[in-house]
């Protein structure tokens, strides 16, 4: 009885496919490492108390209380350095200073 011939290895098309899979795997590993490295270096203080302090120091001072005119209800609010603006449901913008005093009243055009 004759012995079966020894296998010569993978056919050329499968060797090429195996090489492509290895290159793709290495590319994916390098890509994941790069994304993690970028996230770690770009956001170094995101999870520490130092980031919370720096965020809070950048916020403007809000008034302790604001008194709206009678018959108005707030719809939206925004603030900046030295002022707070409240949009009311009766289409007015009320601008308050940091001490809670009404500085300006602007009517909005109704549609």
C-alpha atoms as a PDB file:
ATOM      1  CA  UNK A   1       0.000   0.000   0.000  1.00  0.00           C
ATOM      2  CA  UNK A   2       1.276   3.418  -0.917  1.00  0.00           C
ATOM      3  CA  UNK A   3       1.522   6.304   1.460  1.00  0.00           C
ATOM      4  CA  UNK A   4      -0.528   9.441   0.855  1.00  0.00           C
ATOM      5  CA  UNK A   5       1.543  12.371  -0.380  1.00  0.00           C
ATOM      6  CA  UNK A   6       2.552  14.897   2.277  1.00  0.00           C
ATOM      7  CA  UNK A   7       0.486  18.089   2.161  1.00  0.00           C
ATOM      8  CA  UNK A   8       2.327  20.969   0.535  1.00  0.00           C
ATOM      9  CA  UNK A   9       0.658  23.680   2.584  1.00  0.00           C
ATOM     10  CA  UNK A  10      -2.187  26.031   1.777  1.00  0.00           C
ATOM     11  CA  UNK A  11      -3.115  26.807  -1.796  1.00  0.00           C
ATOM     12  CA  UNK A  12      -1.898  30.227  -3.000  1.00  0.00           C
ATOM     13  CA  UNK A  13      -5.340  31.827  -2.858  1.00  0.00           C
ATOM     14  CA  UNK A  14      -5.817  30.774   0.796  1.00  0.00           C
ATOM     15  CA  UNK A  15      -2.307  31.974   1.708  1.00  0.00           C
ATOM     16  CA  UNK A  16      -3.208  35.394   0.243  1.00  0.00           C
ATOM     17  CA  UNK A  17      -6.498  35.440   2.166  1.00  0.00           C
ATOM     18  CA  UNK A  18      -4.701  34.469   5.370  1.00  0.00           C
ATOM     19  CA  UNK A  19      -2.273  37.352   4.860  1.00  0.00           C
ATOM     20  CA  UNK A  20      -5.140  39.793   4.322  1.00  0.00           C
ATOM     21  CA  UNK A  21      -6.860  38.643   7.520  1.00  0.00           C
ATOM     22  CA  UNK A  22      -3.637  39.090   9.498  1.00  0.00           C
ATOM     23  CA  UNK A  23      -3.098  42.601   8.085  1.00  0.00           C
ATOM     24  CA  UNK A  24      -6.718  43.552   8.860  1.00  0.00           C
ATOM     25  CA  UNK A  25      -6.400  42.246  12.417  1.00  0.00           C
ATOM     26  CA  UNK A  26      -3.205  44.233  13.001  1.00  0.00           C
ATOM     27  CA  UNK A  27      -4.815  47.355  11.525  1.00  0.00           C
ATOM     28  CA  UNK A  28      -7.830  47.012  13.818  1.00  0.00           C
ATOM     29  CA  UNK A  29      -5.616  46.537  16.893  1.00  0.00           C
ATOM     30  CA  UNK A  30      -3.532  49.597  16.012  1.00  0.00           C
ATOM     31  CA  UNK A  31      -6.716  51.606  15.371  1.00  0.00           C
ATOM     32  CA  UNK A  32      -8.229  50.739  18.752  1.00  0.00           C
ATOM     33  CA  UNK A  33      -4.966  51.590  20.531  1.00  0.00           C
ATOM     34  CA  UNK A  34      -4.826  54.923  18.679  1.00  0.00           C
ATOM     35  CA  UNK A  35      -8.416  55.844  19.586  1.00  0.00           C
ATOM     36  CA  UNK A  36      -7.837  55.000  23.249  1.00  0.00           C
ATOM     37  CA  UNK A  37      -4.582  56.987  23.276  1.00  0.00           C
ATOM     38  CA  UNK A  38      -6.286  60.032  21.726  1.00  0.00           C
ATOM     39  CA  UNK A  39      -9.144  59.887  24.233  1.00  0.00           C
ATOM     40  CA  UNK A  40      -6.763  59.589  27.169  1.00  0.00           C
ATOM     41  CA  UNK A  41      -4.502  62.434  26.049  1.00  0.00           C
ATOM     42  CA  UNK A  42      -7.260  64.824  24.943  1.00  0.00           C
ATOM     43  CA  UNK A  43      -9.400  64.427  28.064  1.00  0.00           C
ATOM     44  CA  UNK A  44      -6.906  64.040  30.918  1.00  0.00           C
ATOM     45  CA  UNK A  45      -8.988  65.793  33.590  1.00  0.00           C
ATOM     46  CA  UNK A  46     -12.457  64.676  32.575  1.00  0.00           C
ATOM     47  CA  UNK A  47     -13.015  62.315  35.464  1.00  0.00           C
ATOM     48  CA  UNK A  48     -11.153  64.112  38.252  1.00  0.00           C
ATOM     49  CA  UNK A  49     -12.162  66.773  40.735  1.00  0.00           C
ATOM     50  CA  UNK A  50      -9.864  69.264  39.055  1.00  0.00           C
ATOM     51  CA  UNK A  51     -12.102  69.268  35.963  1.00  0.00           C
ATOM     52  CA  UNK A  52     -15.175  69.969  38.072  1.00  0.00           C
ATOM     53  CA  UNK A  53     -13.469  72.950  39.695  1.00  0.00           C
ATOM     54  CA  UNK A  54     -12.363  74.384  36.354  1.00  0.00           C
ATOM     55  CA  UNK A  55     -15.863  73.999  34.896  1.00  0.00           C
ATOM     56  CA  UNK A  56     -17.489  75.679  37.895  1.00  0.00           C
ATOM     57  CA  UNK A  57     -15.027  78.576  37.843  1.00  0.00           C
ATOM     58  CA  UNK A  58     -15.988  79.327  34.220  1.00  0.00           C
ATOM     59  CA  UNK A  59     -19.709  79.672  34.955  1.00  0.00           C
ATOM     60  CA  UNK A  60     -21.166  83.151  35.400  1.00  0.00           C
ATOM     61  CA  UNK A  61     -22.693  84.198  38.704  1.00  0.00           C
ATOM     62  CA  UNK A  62     -26.443  83.626  38.825  1.00  0.00           C
ATOM     63  CA  UNK A  63     -28.761  85.789  40.915  1.00  0.00           C
ATOM     64  CA  UNK A  64     -29.970  84.301  44.171  1.00  0.00           C
ATOM     65  CA  UNK A  65     -33.588  84.998  43.187  1.00  0.00           C
ATOM     66  CA  UNK A  66     -35.492  86.561  40.302  1.00  0.00           C
ATOM     67  CA  UNK A  67     -38.991  88.000  40.556  1.00  0.00           C
ATOM     68  CA  UNK A  68     -41.037  87.762  37.372  1.00  0.00           C
ATOM     69  CA  UNK A  69     -43.783  90.294  36.648  1.00  0.00           C
ATOM     70  CA  UNK A  70     -47.312  89.230  37.614  1.00  0.00           C
ATOM     71  CA  UNK A  71     -49.028  86.974  35.109  1.00  0.00           C
ATOM     72  CA  UNK A  72     -45.827  85.738  33.423  1.00  0.00           C
ATOM     73  CA  UNK A  73     -44.369  82.265  33.330  1.00  0.00           C
ATOM     74  CA  UNK A  74     -40.846  81.342  32.229  1.00  0.00           C
ATOM     75  CA  UNK A  75     -40.455  79.462  28.972  1.00  0.00           C
ATOM     76  CA  UNK A  76     -36.660  79.477  28.569  1.00  0.00           C
ATOM     77  CA  UNK A  77     -33.652  80.853  30.397  1.00  0.00           C
ATOM     78  CA  UNK A  78     -30.085  81.643  29.432  1.00  0.00           C
ATOM     79  CA  UNK A  79     -27.237  83.448  31.100  1.00  0.00           C
ATOM     80  CA  UNK A  80     -24.003  85.172  30.328  1.00  0.00           C
ATOM     81  CA  UNK A  81     -21.375  87.127  32.172  1.00  0.00           C
ATOM     82  CA  UNK A  82     -23.229  89.733  34.186  1.00  0.00           C
ATOM     83  CA  UNK A  83     -26.778  88.978  33.029  1.00  0.00           C
ATOM     84  CA  UNK A  84     -29.569  86.403  32.968  1.00  0.00           C
ATOM     85  CA  UNK A  85     -32.310  86.401  30.312  1.00  0.00           C
ATOM     86  CA  UNK A  86     -35.712  84.795  30.706  1.00  0.00           C
ATOM     87  CA  UNK A  87     -38.102  84.251  27.812  1.00  0.00           C
ATOM     88  CA  UNK A  88     -41.682  84.290  29.052  1.00  0.00           C
ATOM     89  CA  UNK A  89     -44.758  82.593  27.659  1.00  0.00           C
ATOM     90  CA  UNK A  90     -46.256  85.988  26.743  1.00  0.00           C
ATOM     91  CA  UNK A  91     -43.434  86.601  24.197  1.00  0.00           C
ATOM     92  CA  UNK A  92     -41.124  88.860  26.186  1.00  0.00           C
ATOM     93  CA  UNK A  93     -37.430  88.654  27.020  1.00  0.00           C
ATOM     94  CA  UNK A  94     -36.595  89.863  30.520  1.00  0.00           C
ATOM     95  CA  UNK A  95     -32.923  90.642  31.154  1.00  0.00           C
ATOM     96  CA  UNK A  96     -31.785  90.601  34.795  1.00  0.00           C
ATOM     97  CA  UNK A  97     -28.479  91.647  36.357  1.00  0.00           C
ATOM     98  CA  UNK A  98     -26.494  89.382  38.680  1.00  0.00           C
ATOM     99  CA  UNK A  99     -28.188  90.922  41.719  1.00  0.00           C
ATOM    100  CA  UNK A 100     -31.667  89.935  40.426  1.00  0.00           C
ATOM    101  CA  UNK A 101     -32.806  93.397  39.292  1.00  0.00           C
ATOM    102  CA  UNK A 102     -34.711  93.724  36.017  1.00  0.00           C
ATOM    103  CA  UNK A 103     -32.471  95.623  33.569  1.00  0.00           C
ATOM    104  CA  UNK A 104     -34.344  95.433  30.283  1.00  0.00           C
ATOM    105  CA  UNK A 105     -37.572  94.115  28.795  1.00  0.00           C
ATOM    106  CA  UNK A 106     -37.737  93.243  25.095  1.00  0.00           C
ATOM    107  CA  UNK A 107     -40.940  92.298  23.278  1.00  0.00           C
ATOM    108  CA  UNK A 108     -40.848  89.446  20.784  1.00  0.00           C
ATOM    109  CA  UNK A 109     -42.725  89.645  17.507  1.00  0.00           C
ATOM    110  CA  UNK A 110     -45.650  87.234  17.382  1.00  0.00           C
ATOM    111  CA  UNK A 111     -45.891  84.993  14.316  1.00  0.00           C
END
